Amino acid sequence: VETLSIERRQALFTSSLPAAAWAALLPSLGKELAGQRVSTVAVALTALFALWQGVQAWRDRSWLGFTRASFNIIMFYLLITCLWFQSWYAVWPLGLAALLPPGHAARLAALFGYVALAKPLFFEPLWLWQRPLPPKEWRELRLGPALMALPILYALAVLVNSRVRREKMESRELMETRET
């Protein structure tokens, strides 16, 4: 149980948006308070997103509703709120994406997998840099978000595109009902 406790996780930050937030807050709050705040916000955001997706799955009674919500929760966690990101986490969304129809979920899972597996290609050359290495705070603030930028931007583009399509379809339906 200690391994999974929030207290233990408050000090573990790497290659993620929370790690960048932790590094940014470090000078003003200190290591312990910055870790506590970032991990608390990450847990709260994950819980709220999971609840929202649960409601979406409840409303969508199709057999894909639960799978789609599960995929969205996993991707949200991995892209936005995961404190300690490791490359092998890329396997998690692939199983769910395989259950969904071909489309953005499969593309996002594949893109995320490629980026996550490329992590060593980004981070390992640091060992070849001149000594001393840049401080951990510098590395986390820059390299973690840079690594995840591509899948996050893709997910945002899909979200915006689907919202625009939905609005166009709704306005088209509204125009058709006015004409009849």
C-alpha atoms as a PDB file:
ATOM      1  CA  VAL A   1       0.000   0.000   0.000  1.00  0.00           C
ATOM      2  CA  GLU A   2       2.892   2.354   0.719  1.00  0.00           C
ATOM      3  CA  THR A   3       4.063   2.041  -2.895  1.00  0.00           C
ATOM      4  CA  LEU A   4       0.758   3.410  -4.168  1.00  0.00           C
ATOM      5  CA  SER A   5       0.322   6.097  -1.511  1.00  0.00           C
ATOM      6  CA  ILE A   6       0.029   9.744  -2.498  1.00  0.00           C
ATOM      7  CA  GLU A   7       2.762  10.671   0.009  1.00  0.00           C
ATOM      8  CA  ARG A   8       5.300   8.513  -1.825  1.00  0.00           C
ATOM      9  CA  ARG A   9       4.199   9.804  -5.220  1.00  0.00           C
ATOM     10  CA  GLN A  10       4.567  13.477  -4.208  1.00  0.00           C
ATOM     11  CA  ALA A  11       8.326  13.271  -4.611  1.00  0.00           C
ATOM     12  CA  LEU A  12       8.389  11.414  -7.946  1.00  0.00           C
ATOM     13  CA  PHE A  13       8.258  13.655 -10.994  1.00  0.00           C
ATOM     14  CA  THR A  14       9.687  12.937 -14.423  1.00  0.00           C
ATOM     15  CA  SER A  15       8.958  13.646 -18.113  1.00  0.00           C
ATOM     16  CA  SER A  16       5.451  14.994 -17.659  1.00  0.00           C
ATOM     17  CA  LEU A  17       3.404  18.165 -17.422  1.00  0.00           C
ATOM     18  CA  PRO A  18       3.165  17.795 -13.629  1.00  0.00           C
ATOM     19  CA  ALA A  19       6.967  17.489 -13.542  1.00  0.00           C
ATOM     20  CA  ALA A  20       7.210  20.770 -15.439  1.00  0.00           C
ATOM     21  CA  ALA A  21       4.707  22.389 -13.052  1.00  0.00           C
ATOM     22  CA  TRP A  22       6.710  21.049 -10.099  1.00  0.00           C
ATOM     23  CA  ALA A  23       9.941  22.464 -11.539  1.00  0.00           C
ATOM     24  CA  ALA A  24       8.277  25.832 -12.173  1.00  0.00           C
ATOM     25  CA  LEU A  25       6.861  26.017  -8.620  1.00  0.00           C
ATOM     26  CA  LEU A  26      10.036  24.770  -6.952  1.00  0.00           C
ATOM     27  CA  PRO A  27      11.762  28.165  -6.514  1.00  0.00           C
ATOM     28  CA  SER A  28       8.741  29.801  -4.890  1.00  0.00           C
ATOM     29  CA  LEU A  29       7.264  26.918  -2.851  1.00  0.00           C
ATOM     30  CA  GLY A  30      10.144  24.571  -2.131  1.00  0.00           C
ATOM     31  CA  LYS A  31      10.420  20.884  -2.949  1.00  0.00           C
ATOM     32  CA  GLU A  32       7.901  19.429  -0.486  1.00  0.00           C
ATOM     33  CA  LEU A  33       5.108  21.999  -0.879  1.00  0.00           C
ATOM     34  CA  ALA A  34       5.473  22.126  -4.683  1.00  0.00           C
ATOM     35  CA  GLY A  35       5.255  18.331  -4.847  1.00  0.00           C
ATOM     36  CA  GLN A  36       2.250  18.271  -2.551  1.00  0.00           C
ATOM     37  CA  ARG A  37       0.356  20.918  -4.528  1.00  0.00           C
ATOM     38  CA  VAL A  38       1.122  19.475  -7.954  1.00  0.00           C
ATOM     39  CA  SER A  39       0.226  15.921  -6.954  1.00  0.00           C
ATOM     40  CA  THR A  40      -3.010  17.050  -5.268  1.00  0.00           C
ATOM     41  CA  VAL A  41      -4.082  19.002  -8.353  1.00  0.00           C
ATOM     42  CA  ALA A  42      -3.171  16.049 -10.597  1.00  0.00           C
ATOM     43  CA  VAL A  43      -5.245  13.639  -8.490  1.00  0.00           C
ATOM     44  CA  ALA A  44      -8.193  16.049  -8.437  1.00  0.00           C
ATOM     45  CA  LEU A  45      -8.068  16.631 -12.204  1.00  0.00           C
ATOM     46  CA  THR A  46      -7.845  12.902 -12.883  1.00  0.00           C
ATOM     47  CA  ALA A  47     -10.796  12.179 -10.587  1.00  0.00           C
ATOM     48  CA  LEU A  48     -12.931  14.935 -12.135  1.00  0.00           C
ATOM     49  CA  PHE A  49     -12.106  13.818 -15.664  1.00  0.00           C
ATOM     50  CA  ALA A  50     -12.844  10.183 -14.782  1.00  0.00           C
ATOM     51  CA  LEU A  51     -16.202  11.190 -13.279  1.00  0.00           C
ATOM     52  CA  TRP A  52     -17.073  13.220 -16.375  1.00  0.00           C
ATOM     53  CA  GLN A  53     -16.119  10.332 -18.643  1.00  0.00           C
ATOM     54  CA  GLY A  54     -18.155   7.978 -16.458  1.00  0.00           C
ATOM     55  CA  VAL A  55     -21.204  10.172 -16.999  1.00  0.00           C
ATOM     56  CA  GLN A  56     -20.501  10.218 -20.747  1.00  0.00           C
ATOM     57  CA  ALA A  57     -20.273   6.416 -20.787  1.00  0.00           C
ATOM     58  CA  TRP A  58     -23.517   6.173 -18.812  1.00  0.00           C
ATOM     59  CA  ARG A  59     -25.309   8.378 -21.366  1.00  0.00           C
ATOM     60  CA  ASP A  60     -23.810   6.546 -24.333  1.00  0.00           C
ATOM     61  CA  ARG A  61     -25.387   3.129 -23.948  1.00  0.00           C
ATOM     62  CA  SER A  62     -23.582   1.661 -26.956  1.00  0.00           C
ATOM     63  CA  TRP A  63     -21.081  -1.109 -26.391  1.00  0.00           C
ATOM     64  CA  LEU A  64     -18.298   1.368 -27.242  1.00  0.00           C
ATOM     65  CA  GLY A  65     -19.249   3.877 -24.533  1.00  0.00           C
ATOM     66  CA  PHE A  66     -17.276   2.288 -21.717  1.00  0.00           C
ATOM     67  CA  THR A  67     -14.278   1.500 -23.918  1.00  0.00           C
ATOM     68  CA  ARG A  68     -14.179   5.050 -25.300  1.00  0.00           C
ATOM     69  CA  ALA A  69     -14.415   6.527 -21.793  1.00  0.00           C
ATOM     70  CA  SER A  70     -11.666   4.189 -20.563  1.00  0.00           C
ATOM     71  CA  PHE A  71      -9.412   5.182 -23.455  1.00  0.00           C
ATOM     72  CA  ASN A  72     -10.037   8.884 -22.803  1.00  0.00           C
ATOM     73  CA  ILE A  73      -9.285   8.505 -19.090  1.00  0.00           C
ATOM     74  CA  ILE A  74      -6.031   6.629 -19.740  1.00  0.00           C
ATOM     75  CA  MET A  75      -4.901   9.185 -22.335  1.00  0.00           C
ATOM     76  CA  PHE A  76      -5.831  12.124 -20.089  1.00  0.00           C
ATOM     77  CA  TYR A  77      -3.888  10.588 -17.256  1.00  0.00           C
ATOM     78  CA  LEU A  78      -0.826   9.807 -19.359  1.00  0.00           C
ATOM     79  CA  LEU A  79      -0.733  13.106 -21.254  1.00  0.00           C
ATOM     80  CA  ILE A  80      -1.863  15.558 -18.577  1.00  0.00           C
ATOM     81  CA  THR A  81      -1.706  14.284 -14.990  1.00  0.00           C
ATOM     82  CA  CYS A  82       0.788  11.399 -14.770  1.00  0.00           C
ATOM     83  CA  LEU A  83       3.489  12.489 -12.317  1.00  0.00           C
ATOM     84  CA  TRP A  84       6.113   9.877 -13.085  1.00  0.00           C
ATOM     85  CA  PHE A  85       6.059   8.946 -16.764  1.00  0.00           C
ATOM     86  CA  GLN A  86       7.951   5.913 -18.049  1.00  0.00           C
ATOM     87  CA  SER A  87       8.188   4.701 -21.649  1.00  0.00           C
ATOM     88  CA  TRP A  88       6.445   1.375 -21.060  1.00  0.00           C
ATOM     89  CA  TYR A  89       3.242   3.226 -20.110  1.00  0.00           C
ATOM     90  CA  ALA A  90       2.702   3.617 -23.865  1.00  0.00           C
ATOM     91  CA  VAL A  91       1.334   0.065 -23.984  1.00  0.00           C
ATOM     92  CA  TRP A  92      -1.691   0.920 -21.821  1.00  0.00           C
ATOM     93  CA  PRO A  93      -3.801   2.822 -24.373  1.00  0.00           C
ATOM     94  CA  LEU A  94      -2.987   0.451 -27.248  1.00  0.00           C
ATOM     95  CA  GLY A  95      -5.215  -2.331 -25.921  1.00  0.00           C
ATOM     96  CA  LEU A  96      -8.198  -0.025 -25.579  1.00  0.00           C
ATOM     97  CA  ALA A  97      -7.576   1.649 -28.952  1.00  0.00           C
ATOM     98  CA  ALA A  98      -7.653  -1.791 -30.593  1.00  0.00           C
ATOM     99  CA  LEU A  99     -11.219  -2.266 -29.310  1.00  0.00           C
ATOM    100  CA  LEU A 100     -12.426   1.028 -30.794  1.00  0.00           C
ATOM    101  CA  PRO A 101     -13.288   1.648 -34.454  1.00  0.00           C
ATOM    102  CA  PRO A 102     -10.404   2.912 -36.613  1.00  0.00           C
ATOM    103  CA  GLY A 103      -9.948   6.628 -36.176  1.00  0.00           C
ATOM    104  CA  HIS A 104      -8.417   9.182 -33.885  1.00  0.00           C
ATOM    105  CA  ALA A 105      -8.072   6.862 -30.867  1.00  0.00           C
ATOM    106  CA  ALA A 106      -5.871   4.431 -32.776  1.00  0.00           C
ATOM    107  CA  ARG A 107      -3.847   7.277 -34.288  1.00  0.00           C
ATOM    108  CA  LEU A 108      -3.398   8.968 -30.906  1.00  0.00           C
ATOM    109  CA  ALA A 109      -2.382   5.698 -29.227  1.00  0.00           C
ATOM    110  CA  ALA A 110       0.139   4.966 -31.997  1.00  0.00           C
ATOM    111  CA  LEU A 111       1.542   8.507 -31.962  1.00  0.00           C
ATOM    112  CA  PHE A 112       1.789   8.422 -28.184  1.00  0.00           C
ATOM    113  CA  GLY A 113       3.544   5.060 -28.378  1.00  0.00           C
ATOM    114  CA  TYR A 114       6.103   6.331 -30.869  1.00  0.00           C
ATOM    115  CA  VAL A 115       6.793   9.444 -28.809  1.00  0.00           C
ATOM    116  CA  ALA A 116       7.065   7.497 -25.556  1.00  0.00           C
ATOM    117  CA  LEU A 117       9.416   4.958 -27.091  1.00  0.00           C
ATOM    118  CA  ALA A 118      11.501   7.808 -28.509  1.00  0.00           C
ATOM    119  CA  LYS A 119      12.014   9.161 -24.982  1.00  0.00           C
ATOM    120  CA  PRO A 120      15.416   7.464 -24.602  1.00  0.00           C
ATOM    121  CA  LEU A 121      16.503   9.043 -27.894  1.00  0.00           C
ATOM    122  CA  PHE A 122      15.804  12.442 -26.358  1.00  0.00           C
ATOM    123  CA  PHE A 123      17.101  11.818 -22.851  1.00  0.00           C
ATOM    124  CA  GLU A 124      20.075   9.484 -23.314  1.00  0.00           C
ATOM    125  CA  PRO A 125      22.211  12.037 -25.201  1.00  0.00           C
ATOM    126  CA  LEU A 126      22.159  14.043 -21.973  1.00  0.00           C
ATOM    127  CA  TRP A 127      24.791  11.628 -20.695  1.00  0.00           C
ATOM    128  CA  LEU A 128      27.064  12.857 -23.486  1.00  0.00           C
ATOM    129  CA  TRP A 129      26.622  16.504 -22.556  1.00  0.00           C
ATOM    130  CA  GLN A 130      29.393  18.357 -20.888  1.00  0.00           C
ATOM    131  CA  ARG A 131      29.580  17.906 -17.153  1.00  0.00           C
ATOM    132  CA  PRO A 132      27.877  18.835 -14.956  1.00  0.00           C
ATOM    133  CA  LEU A 133      24.474  18.018 -16.405  1.00  0.00           C
ATOM    134  CA  PRO A 134      21.868  20.761 -16.276  1.00  0.00           C
ATOM    135  CA  PRO A 135      19.898  20.590 -13.009  1.00  0.00           C
ATOM    136  CA  LYS A 136      16.920  18.226 -12.835  1.00  0.00           C
ATOM    137  CA  GLU A 137      14.553  21.199 -12.596  1.00  0.00           C
ATOM    138  CA  TRP A 138      15.895  22.603 -15.881  1.00  0.00           C
ATOM    139  CA  ARG A 139      15.574  19.236 -17.628  1.00  0.00           C
ATOM    140  CA  GLU A 140      12.039  18.537 -16.369  1.00  0.00           C
ATOM    141  CA  LEU A 141      10.780  22.013 -17.176  1.00  0.00           C
ATOM    142  CA  ARG A 142      11.910  21.755 -20.786  1.00  0.00           C
ATOM    143  CA  LEU A 143      12.288  18.155 -21.866  1.00  0.00           C
ATOM    144  CA  GLY A 144       9.168  16.577 -20.334  1.00  0.00           C
ATOM    145  CA  PRO A 145       6.633  18.894 -21.985  1.00  0.00           C
ATOM    146  CA  ALA A 146       8.631  18.923 -25.232  1.00  0.00           C
ATOM    147  CA  LEU A 147       8.407  15.144 -25.348  1.00  0.00           C
ATOM    148  CA  MET A 148       4.623  15.113 -24.870  1.00  0.00           C
ATOM    149  CA  ALA A 149       3.873  18.151 -27.046  1.00  0.00           C
ATOM    150  CA  LEU A 150       3.106  16.223 -30.235  1.00  0.00           C
ATOM    151  CA  PRO A 151       0.455  13.847 -28.822  1.00  0.00           C
ATOM    152  CA  ILE A 152      -1.078  16.653 -26.728  1.00  0.00           C
ATOM    153  CA  LEU A 153      -1.342  18.913 -29.785  1.00  0.00           C
ATOM    154  CA  TYR A 154      -2.843  16.061 -31.810  1.00  0.00           C
ATOM    155  CA  ALA A 155      -5.433  15.366 -29.092  1.00  0.00           C
ATOM    156  CA  LEU A 156      -6.328  19.076 -28.923  1.00  0.00           C
ATOM    157  CA  ALA A 157      -6.642  19.283 -32.720  1.00  0.00           C
ATOM    158  CA  VAL A 158      -8.997  16.278 -32.729  1.00  0.00           C
ATOM    159  CA  LEU A 159     -11.051  17.829 -29.920  1.00  0.00           C
ATOM    160  CA  VAL A 160     -11.365  21.183 -31.704  1.00  0.00           C
ATOM    161  CA  ASN A 161     -12.099  19.513 -35.045  1.00  0.00           C
ATOM    162  CA  SER A 162     -14.857  17.327 -33.582  1.00  0.00           C
ATOM    163  CA  ARG A 163     -16.422  20.325 -31.838  1.00  0.00           C
ATOM    164  CA  VAL A 164     -16.390  22.370 -35.071  1.00  0.00           C
ATOM    165  CA  ARG A 165     -17.918  19.457 -37.008  1.00  0.00           C
ATOM    166  CA  ARG A 166     -20.635  19.017 -34.383  1.00  0.00           C
ATOM    167  CA  GLU A 167     -21.493  22.734 -34.468  1.00  0.00           C
ATOM    168  CA  LYS A 168     -21.662  22.709 -38.280  1.00  0.00           C
ATOM    169  CA  MET A 169     -23.917  19.664 -38.242  1.00  0.00           C
ATOM    170  CA  GLU A 170     -26.191  21.236 -35.617  1.00  0.00           C
ATOM    171  CA  SER A 171     -26.454  24.488 -37.577  1.00  0.00           C
ATOM    172  CA  ARG A 172     -27.172  22.531 -40.778  1.00  0.00           C
ATOM    173  CA  GLU A 173     -29.930  20.584 -38.999  1.00  0.00           C
ATOM    174  CA  LEU A 174     -31.349  23.824 -37.616  1.00  0.00           C
ATOM    175  CA  MET A 175     -31.422  25.354 -41.117  1.00  0.00           C
ATOM    176  CA  GLU A 176     -33.154  22.253 -42.497  1.00  0.00           C
ATOM    177  CA  THR A 177     -35.849  22.365 -39.805  1.00  0.00           C
ATOM    178  CA  ARG A 178     -36.475  26.066 -40.516  1.00  0.00           C
ATOM    179  CA  GLU A 179     -36.880  25.349 -44.229  1.00  0.00           C
ATOM    180  CA  THR A 180     -39.549  22.705 -43.630  1.00  0.00           C
END
